[in-house]
PDB file of all heavy atoms in Angstrom:
ATOM      1  N   GLN A   1       6.046  -2.905  11.131  1.00  0.00           N
ATOM      2  CA  GLN A   1       5.670  -3.698   9.973  1.00  0.00           C
ATOM      3  C   GLN A   1       4.165  -3.901   9.931  1.00  0.00           C
ATOM      4  O   GLN A   1       3.504  -3.941  10.967  1.00  0.00           O
ATOM      5  CB  GLN A   1       6.362  -5.077  10.012  1.00  0.00           C
ATOM      6  CG  GLN A   1       7.852  -5.033   9.806  1.00  0.00           C
ATOM      7  CD  GLN A   1       8.237  -4.671   8.401  1.00  0.00           C
ATOM      8  OE1 GLN A   1       7.559  -5.035   7.448  1.00  0.00           O
ATOM      9  NE2 GLN A   1       9.313  -3.905   8.254  1.00  0.00           N
ATOM     10  N   VAL A   2       3.663  -3.991   8.710  1.00  0.00           N
ATOM     11  CA  VAL A   2       2.246  -4.266   8.481  1.00  0.00           C
ATOM     12  C   VAL A   2       2.162  -5.503   7.605  1.00  0.00           C
ATOM     13  O   VAL A   2       2.857  -5.605   6.598  1.00  0.00           O
ATOM     14  CB  VAL A   2       1.559  -3.074   7.784  1.00  0.00           C
ATOM     15  CG1 VAL A   2       0.117  -3.421   7.450  1.00  0.00           C
ATOM     16  CG2 VAL A   2       1.616  -1.829   8.662  1.00  0.00           C
ATOM     17  N   GLN A   3       1.314  -6.430   8.009  1.00  0.00           N
ATOM     18  CA  GLN A   3       1.069  -7.614   7.196  1.00  0.00           C
ATOM     19  C   GLN A   3      -0.330  -7.512   6.589  1.00  0.00           C
ATOM     20  O   GLN A   3      -1.297  -7.171   7.282  1.00  0.00           O
ATOM     21  CB  GLN A   3       1.179  -8.892   8.034  1.00  0.00           C
ATOM     22  CG  GLN A   3       2.575  -9.173   8.556  1.00  0.00           C
ATOM     23  CD  GLN A   3       2.922  -8.336   9.788  1.00  0.00           C
ATOM     24  OE1 GLN A   3       2.111  -8.162  10.672  1.00  0.00           O
ATOM     25  NE2 GLN A   3       4.151  -7.798   9.805  1.00  0.00           N
ATOM     26  N   LEU A   4      -0.413  -7.816   5.307  1.00  0.00           N
ATOM     27  CA  LEU A   4      -1.673  -7.738   4.577  1.00  0.00           C
ATOM     28  C   LEU A   4      -1.965  -9.085   3.943  1.00  0.00           C
ATOM     29  O   LEU A   4      -1.097  -9.636   3.249  1.00  0.00           O
ATOM     30  CB  LEU A   4      -1.595  -6.655   3.496  1.00  0.00           C
ATOM     31  CG  LEU A   4      -1.238  -5.245   3.975  1.00  0.00           C
ATOM     32  CD1 LEU A   4      -0.986  -4.323   2.774  1.00  0.00           C
ATOM     33  CD2 LEU A   4      -2.341  -4.679   4.847  1.00  0.00           C
ATOM     34  N   VAL A   5      -3.160  -9.595   4.144  1.00  0.00           N
ATOM     35  CA  VAL A   5      -3.534 -10.883   3.566  1.00  0.00           C
ATOM     36  C   VAL A   5      -4.851 -10.724   2.820  1.00  0.00           C
ATOM     37  O   VAL A   5      -5.882 -10.401   3.423  1.00  0.00           O
ATOM     38  CB  VAL A   5      -3.678 -11.972   4.647  1.00  0.00           C
ATOM     39  CG1 VAL A   5      -4.098 -13.287   4.020  1.00  0.00           C
ATOM     40  CG2 VAL A   5      -2.358 -12.141   5.405  1.00  0.00           C
ATOM     41  N   GLU A   6      -4.793 -10.946   1.510  1.00  0.00           N
ATOM     42  CA  GLU A   6      -5.986 -10.828   0.675  1.00  0.00           C
ATOM     43  C   GLU A   6      -6.722 -12.160   0.593  1.00  0.00           C
ATOM     44  O   GLU A   6      -6.120 -13.228   0.721  1.00  0.00           O
ATOM     45  CB  GLU A   6      -5.630 -10.395  -0.753  1.00  0.00           C
ATOM     46  CG  GLU A   6      -4.893  -9.082  -0.857  1.00  0.00           C
ATOM     47  CD  GLU A   6      -3.418  -9.269  -1.053  1.00  0.00           C
ATOM     48  OE1 GLU A   6      -2.884 -10.302  -0.591  1.00  0.00           O
ATOM     49  OE2 GLU A   6      -2.770  -8.376  -1.650  1.00  0.00           O
ATOM     50  N   SER A   7      -8.011 -12.072   0.338  1.00  0.00           N
ATOM     51  CA  SER A   7      -8.830 -13.251   0.088  1.00  0.00           C
ATOM     52  C   SER A   7     -10.029 -12.837  -0.748  1.00  0.00           C
ATOM     53  O   SER A   7     -10.304 -11.635  -0.904  1.00  0.00           O
ATOM     54  CB  SER A   7      -9.287 -13.886   1.401  1.00  0.00           C
ATOM     55  OG  SER A   7     -10.080 -12.983   2.150  1.00  0.00           O
ATOM     56  N   GLY A   8     -10.727 -13.823  -1.288  1.00  0.00           N
ATOM     57  CA  GLY A   8     -11.957 -13.549  -2.008  1.00  0.00           C
ATOM     58  C   GLY A   8     -11.864 -13.633  -3.518  1.00  0.00           C
ATOM     59  O   GLY A   8     -12.871 -13.494  -4.211  1.00  0.00           O
ATOM     60  N   GLY A   9     -10.666 -13.856  -4.043  1.00  0.00           N
ATOM     61  CA  GLY A   9     -10.543 -13.980  -5.484  1.00  0.00           C
ATOM     62  C   GLY A   9     -11.149 -15.288  -5.975  1.00  0.00           C
ATOM     63  O   GLY A   9     -11.546 -16.147  -5.186  1.00  0.00           O
ATOM     64  N   GLY A  10     -11.215 -15.427  -7.294  1.00  0.00           N
ATOM     65  CA  GLY A  10     -11.757 -16.646  -7.860  1.00  0.00           C
ATOM     66  C   GLY A  10     -12.124 -16.488  -9.308  1.00  0.00           C
ATOM     67  O   GLY A  10     -11.741 -15.510  -9.957  1.00  0.00           O
ATOM     68  N   LEU A  11     -12.867 -17.461  -9.798  1.00  0.00           N
ATOM     69  CA  LEU A  11     -13.326 -17.475 -11.183  1.00  0.00           C
ATOM     70  C   LEU A  11     -14.801 -17.106 -11.219  1.00  0.00           C
ATOM     71  O   LEU A  11     -15.617 -17.673 -10.484  1.00  0.00           O
ATOM     72  CB  LEU A  11     -13.109 -18.862 -11.786  1.00  0.00           C
ATOM     73  CG  LEU A  11     -13.674 -19.118 -13.179  1.00  0.00           C
ATOM     74  CD1 LEU A  11     -12.986 -18.219 -14.201  1.00  0.00           C
ATOM     75  CD2 LEU A  11     -13.522 -20.587 -13.546  1.00  0.00           C
ATOM     76  N   VAL A  12     -15.143 -16.160 -12.079  1.00  0.00           N
ATOM     77  CA  VAL A  12     -16.526 -15.713 -12.191  1.00  0.00           C
ATOM     78  C   VAL A  12     -16.826 -15.408 -13.650  1.00  0.00           C
ATOM     79  O   VAL A  12     -15.918 -15.051 -14.416  1.00  0.00           O
ATOM     80  CB  VAL A  12     -16.755 -14.465 -11.298  1.00  0.00           C
ATOM     81  CG1 VAL A  12     -15.926 -13.280 -11.766  1.00  0.00           C
ATOM     82  CG2 VAL A  12     -18.230 -14.116 -11.203  1.00  0.00           C
ATOM     83  N   ARG A  13     -18.064 -15.538 -14.020  1.00  0.00           N
ATOM     84  CA  ARG A  13     -18.448 -15.222 -15.390  1.00  0.00           C
ATOM     85  C   ARG A  13     -18.667 -13.721 -15.545  1.00  0.00           C
ATOM     86  O   ARG A  13     -18.966 -13.011 -14.573  1.00  0.00           O
ATOM     87  CB  ARG A  13     -19.707 -15.977 -15.779  1.00  0.00           C
ATOM     88  CG  ARG A  13     -19.533 -17.478 -15.723  1.00  0.00           C
ATOM     89  CD  ARG A  13     -20.759 -18.206 -16.211  1.00  0.00           C
ATOM     90  NE  ARG A  13     -20.969 -18.057 -17.649  1.00  0.00           N
ATOM     91  CZ  ARG A  13     -21.877 -18.706 -18.348  1.00  0.00           C
ATOM     92  NH1 ARG A  13     -22.677 -19.574 -17.733  1.00  0.00           N
ATOM     93  NH2 ARG A  13     -22.009 -18.519 -19.642  1.00  0.00           N
ATOM     94  N   ALA A  14     -18.526 -13.255 -16.750  1.00  0.00           N
ATOM     95  CA  ALA A  14     -18.747 -11.838 -17.027  1.00  0.00           C
ATOM     96  C   ALA A  14     -20.127 -11.417 -16.542  1.00  0.00           C
ATOM     97  O   ALA A  14     -21.104 -12.148 -16.721  1.00  0.00           O
ATOM     98  CB  ALA A  14     -18.602 -11.572 -18.524  1.00  0.00           C
ATOM     99  N   GLY A  15     -20.184 -10.257 -15.922  1.00  0.00           N
ATOM    100  CA  GLY A  15     -21.423  -9.767 -15.345  1.00  0.00           C
ATOM    101  C   GLY A  15     -21.610 -10.136 -13.893  1.00  0.00           C
ATOM    102  O   GLY A  15     -22.512  -9.593 -13.224  1.00  0.00           O
ATOM    103  N   GLY A  16     -20.769 -11.026 -13.401  1.00  0.00           N
ATOM    104  CA  GLY A  16     -20.872 -11.473 -12.013  1.00  0.00           C
ATOM    105  C   GLY A  16     -20.186 -10.524 -11.044  1.00  0.00           C
ATOM    106  O   GLY A  16     -19.690  -9.459 -11.426  1.00  0.00           O
ATOM    107  N   SER A  17     -20.169 -10.956  -9.779  1.00  0.00           N
ATOM    108  CA  SER A  17     -19.616 -10.131  -8.713  1.00  0.00           C
ATOM    109  C   SER A  17     -18.672 -10.939  -7.837  1.00  0.00           C
ATOM    110  O   SER A  17     -18.815 -12.161  -7.708  1.00  0.00           O
ATOM    111  CB  SER A  17     -20.735  -9.568  -7.832  1.00  0.00           C
ATOM    112  OG  SER A  17     -21.615  -8.745  -8.559  1.00  0.00           O
ATOM    113  N   LEU A  18     -17.725 -10.243  -7.246  1.00  0.00           N
ATOM    114  CA  LEU A  18     -16.837 -10.797  -6.236  1.00  0.00           C
ATOM    115  C   LEU A  18     -16.567  -9.720  -5.201  1.00  0.00           C
ATOM    116  O   LEU A  18     -16.598  -8.527  -5.525  1.00  0.00           O
ATOM    117  CB  LEU A  18     -15.502 -11.237  -6.840  1.00  0.00           C
ATOM    118  CG  LEU A  18     -15.437 -12.547  -7.633  1.00  0.00           C
ATOM    119  CD1 LEU A  18     -14.051 -12.694  -8.255  1.00  0.00           C
ATOM    120  CD2 LEU A  18     -15.753 -13.734  -6.748  1.00  0.00           C
ATOM    121  N   ARG A  19     -16.263 -10.149  -3.985  1.00  0.00           N
ATOM    122  CA  ARG A  19     -15.824  -9.209  -2.962  1.00  0.00           C
ATOM    123  C   ARG A  19     -14.464  -9.657  -2.435  1.00  0.00           C
ATOM    124  O   ARG A  19     -14.321 -10.758  -1.898  1.00  0.00           O
ATOM    125  CB  ARG A  19     -16.810  -9.092  -1.804  1.00  0.00           C
ATOM    126  CG  ARG A  19     -16.415  -7.966  -0.853  1.00  0.00           C
ATOM    127  CD  ARG A  19     -17.409  -7.745   0.261  1.00  0.00           C
ATOM    128  NE  ARG A  19     -17.226  -8.681   1.361  1.00  0.00           N
ATOM    129  CZ  ARG A  19     -17.606  -8.443   2.617  1.00  0.00           C
ATOM    130  NH1 ARG A  19     -18.165  -7.276   2.916  1.00  0.00           N
ATOM    131  NH2 ARG A  19     -17.444  -9.336   3.549  1.00  0.00           N
ATOM    132  N   LEU A  20     -13.490  -8.792  -2.586  1.00  0.00           N
ATOM    133  CA  LEU A  20     -12.156  -9.052  -2.060  1.00  0.00           C
ATOM    134  C   LEU A  20     -12.032  -8.473  -0.655  1.00  0.00           C
ATOM    135  O   LEU A  20     -12.606  -7.425  -0.365  1.00  0.00           O
ATOM    136  CB  LEU A  20     -11.082  -8.436  -2.954  1.00  0.00           C
ATOM    137  CG  LEU A  20     -11.106  -8.822  -4.435  1.00  0.00           C
ATOM    138  CD1 LEU A  20      -9.925  -8.168  -5.157  1.00  0.00           C
ATOM    139  CD2 LEU A  20     -11.088 -10.321  -4.600  1.00  0.00           C
ATOM    140  N   SER A  21     -11.272  -9.157   0.170  1.00  0.00           N
ATOM    141  CA  SER A  21     -10.993  -8.686   1.523  1.00  0.00           C
ATOM    142  C   SER A  21      -9.489  -8.632   1.738  1.00  0.00           C
ATOM    143  O   SER A  21      -8.742  -9.430   1.156  1.00  0.00           O
ATOM    144  CB  SER A  21     -11.604  -9.614   2.570  1.00  0.00           C
ATOM    145  OG  SER A  21     -13.005  -9.690   2.453  1.00  0.00           O
ATOM    146  N   CYS A  22      -9.062  -7.713   2.571  1.00  0.00           N
ATOM    147  CA  CYS A  22      -7.652  -7.584   2.921  1.00  0.00           C
ATOM    148  C   CYS A  22      -7.561  -7.345   4.420  1.00  0.00           C
ATOM    149  O   CYS A  22      -7.964  -6.287   4.911  1.00  0.00           O
ATOM    150  CB  CYS A  22      -7.010  -6.432   2.161  1.00  0.00           C
ATOM    151  SG  CYS A  22      -5.333  -6.036   2.696  1.00  0.00           S
ATOM    152  N   ALA A  23      -7.059  -8.342   5.132  1.00  0.00           N
ATOM    153  CA  ALA A  23      -6.918  -8.234   6.581  1.00  0.00           C
ATOM    154  C   ALA A  23      -5.543  -7.687   6.924  1.00  0.00           C
ATOM    155  O   ALA A  23      -4.526  -8.220   6.473  1.00  0.00           O
ATOM    156  CB  ALA A  23      -7.125  -9.601   7.223  1.00  0.00           C
ATOM    157  N   ALA A  24      -5.524  -6.628   7.717  1.00  0.00           N
ATOM    158  CA  ALA A  24      -4.265  -5.986   8.101  1.00  0.00           C
ATOM    159  C   ALA A  24      -3.931  -6.308   9.555  1.00  0.00           C
ATOM    160  O   ALA A  24      -4.790  -6.212  10.433  1.00  0.00           O
ATOM    161  CB  ALA A  24      -4.372  -4.473   7.922  1.00  0.00           C
ATOM    162  N   THR A  25      -2.686  -6.680   9.803  1.00  0.00           N
ATOM    163  CA  THR A  25      -2.219  -6.931  11.162  1.00  0.00           C
ATOM    164  C   THR A  25      -0.852  -6.277  11.348  1.00  0.00           C
ATOM    165  O   THR A  25      -0.228  -5.831  10.388  1.00  0.00           O
ATOM    166  CB  THR A  25      -2.093  -8.439  11.447  1.00  0.00           C
ATOM    167  OG1 THR A  25      -1.200  -9.021  10.493  1.00  0.00           O
ATOM    168  CG2 THR A  25      -3.438  -9.128  11.354  1.00  0.00           C
ATOM    169  N   GLY A  26      -0.425  -6.200  12.583  1.00  0.00           N
ATOM    170  CA  GLY A  26       0.867  -5.581  12.872  1.00  0.00           C
ATOM    171  C   GLY A  26       0.689  -4.136  13.289  1.00  0.00           C
ATOM    172  O   GLY A  26      -0.276  -3.782  13.954  1.00  0.00           O
ATOM    173  N   SER A  27       1.592  -3.303  12.843  1.00  0.00           N
ATOM    174  CA  SER A  27       1.589  -1.879  13.216  1.00  0.00           C
ATOM    175  C   SER A  27       0.652  -1.098  12.306  1.00  0.00           C
ATOM    176  O   SER A  27       1.084  -0.326  11.444  1.00  0.00           O
ATOM    177  CB  SER A  27       3.017  -1.331  13.143  1.00  0.00           C
ATOM    178  OG  SER A  27       3.871  -2.031  14.017  1.00  0.00           O
ATOM    179  N   ILE A  28      -0.639  -1.306  12.498  1.00  0.00           N
ATOM    180  CA  ILE A  28      -1.625  -0.738  11.582  1.00  0.00           C
ATOM    181  C   ILE A  28      -2.036   0.682  11.955  1.00  0.00           C
ATOM    182  O   ILE A  28      -2.777   1.320  11.210  1.00  0.00           O
ATOM    183  CB  ILE A  28      -2.877  -1.631  11.489  1.00  0.00           C
ATOM    184  CG1 ILE A  28      -3.533  -1.762  12.872  1.00  0.00           C
ATOM    185  CG2 ILE A  28      -2.517  -2.982  10.909  1.00  0.00           C
ATOM    186  CD1 ILE A  28      -4.830  -2.528  12.839  1.00  0.00           C
ATOM    187  N   PHE A  29      -1.548   1.176  13.093  1.00  0.00           N
ATOM    188  CA  PHE A  29      -1.880   2.553  13.451  1.00  0.00           C
ATOM    189  C   PHE A  29      -1.177   3.487  12.465  1.00  0.00           C
ATOM    190  O   PHE A  29      -0.156   3.169  11.888  1.00  0.00           O
ATOM    191  CB  PHE A  29      -1.453   2.866  14.883  1.00  0.00           C
ATOM    192  CG  PHE A  29       0.018   2.631  15.135  1.00  0.00           C
ATOM    193  CD1 PHE A  29       0.941   3.654  14.961  1.00  0.00           C
ATOM    194  CD2 PHE A  29       0.477   1.387  15.540  1.00  0.00           C
ATOM    195  CE1 PHE A  29       2.282   3.441  15.198  1.00  0.00           C
ATOM    196  CE2 PHE A  29       1.812   1.166  15.778  1.00  0.00           C
ATOM    197  CZ  PHE A  29       2.722   2.187  15.602  1.00  0.00           C
ATOM    198  N   ASN A  30      -1.742   4.638  12.279  1.00  0.00           N
ATOM    199  CA  ASN A  30      -1.164   5.649  11.381  1.00  0.00           C
ATOM    200  C   ASN A  30      -1.062   5.200   9.928  1.00  0.00           C
ATOM    201  O   ASN A  30      -0.216   5.701   9.181  1.00  0.00           O
ATOM    202  CB  ASN A  30       0.216   6.102  11.863  1.00  0.00           C
ATOM    203  CG  ASN A  30       0.112   6.940  13.132  1.00  0.00           C
ATOM    204  OD1 ASN A  30      -0.910   7.547  13.389  1.00  0.00           O
ATOM    205  ND2 ASN A  30       1.174   6.958  13.902  1.00  0.00           N
ATOM    206  N   ILE A  31      -1.898   4.245   9.520  1.00  0.00           N
ATOM    207  CA  ILE A  31      -1.999   3.954   8.089  1.00  0.00           C
ATOM    208  C   ILE A  31      -2.756   5.112   7.460  1.00  0.00           C
ATOM    209  O   ILE A  31      -3.880   5.401   7.836  1.00  0.00           O
ATOM    210  CB  ILE A  31      -2.713   2.624   7.826  1.00  0.00           C
ATOM    211  CG1 ILE A  31      -1.830   1.457   8.261  1.00  0.00           C
ATOM    212  CG2 ILE A  31      -3.056   2.500   6.338  1.00  0.00           C
ATOM    213  CD1 ILE A  31      -2.467   0.107   8.050  1.00  0.00           C
ATOM    214  N   ASN A  32      -2.125   5.786   6.522  1.00  0.00           N
ATOM    215  CA  ASN A  32      -2.735   6.976   5.921  1.00  0.00           C
ATOM    216  C   ASN A  32      -3.797   6.606   4.889  1.00  0.00           C
ATOM    217  O   ASN A  32      -4.848   7.233   4.825  1.00  0.00           O
ATOM    218  CB  ASN A  32      -1.658   7.828   5.264  1.00  0.00           C
ATOM    219  CG  ASN A  32      -0.648   8.333   6.279  1.00  0.00           C
ATOM    220  OD1 ASN A  32      -1.009   8.742   7.373  1.00  0.00           O
ATOM    221  ND2 ASN A  32       0.625   8.285   5.927  1.00  0.00           N
ATOM    222  N   ARG A  33      -3.477   5.630   4.084  1.00  0.00           N
ATOM    223  CA  ARG A  33      -4.433   5.225   3.074  1.00  0.00           C
ATOM    224  C   ARG A  33      -4.175   3.786   2.685  1.00  0.00           C
ATOM    225  O   ARG A  33      -3.073   3.270   2.852  1.00  0.00           O
ATOM    226  CB  ARG A  33      -4.352   6.136   1.843  1.00  0.00           C
ATOM    227  CG  ARG A  33      -3.017   6.116   1.129  1.00  0.00           C
ATOM    228  CD  ARG A  33      -2.979   7.166   0.044  1.00  0.00           C
ATOM    229  NE  ARG A  33      -1.722   7.110  -0.686  1.00  0.00           N
ATOM    230  CZ  ARG A  33      -1.359   7.975  -1.606  1.00  0.00           C
ATOM    231  NH1 ARG A  33      -2.169   8.988  -1.928  1.00  0.00           N
ATOM    232  NH2 ARG A  33      -0.204   7.853  -2.236  1.00  0.00           N
TER     233      ARG A  33
END
């Protein structure tokens, strides 16, 4: 099993920037993409 947890979302005005992150745990070996 692989667990994925996203973070970094939010409210931003047009033209702005955000960076999303996704932390993977568990059986992360052999993840193809």
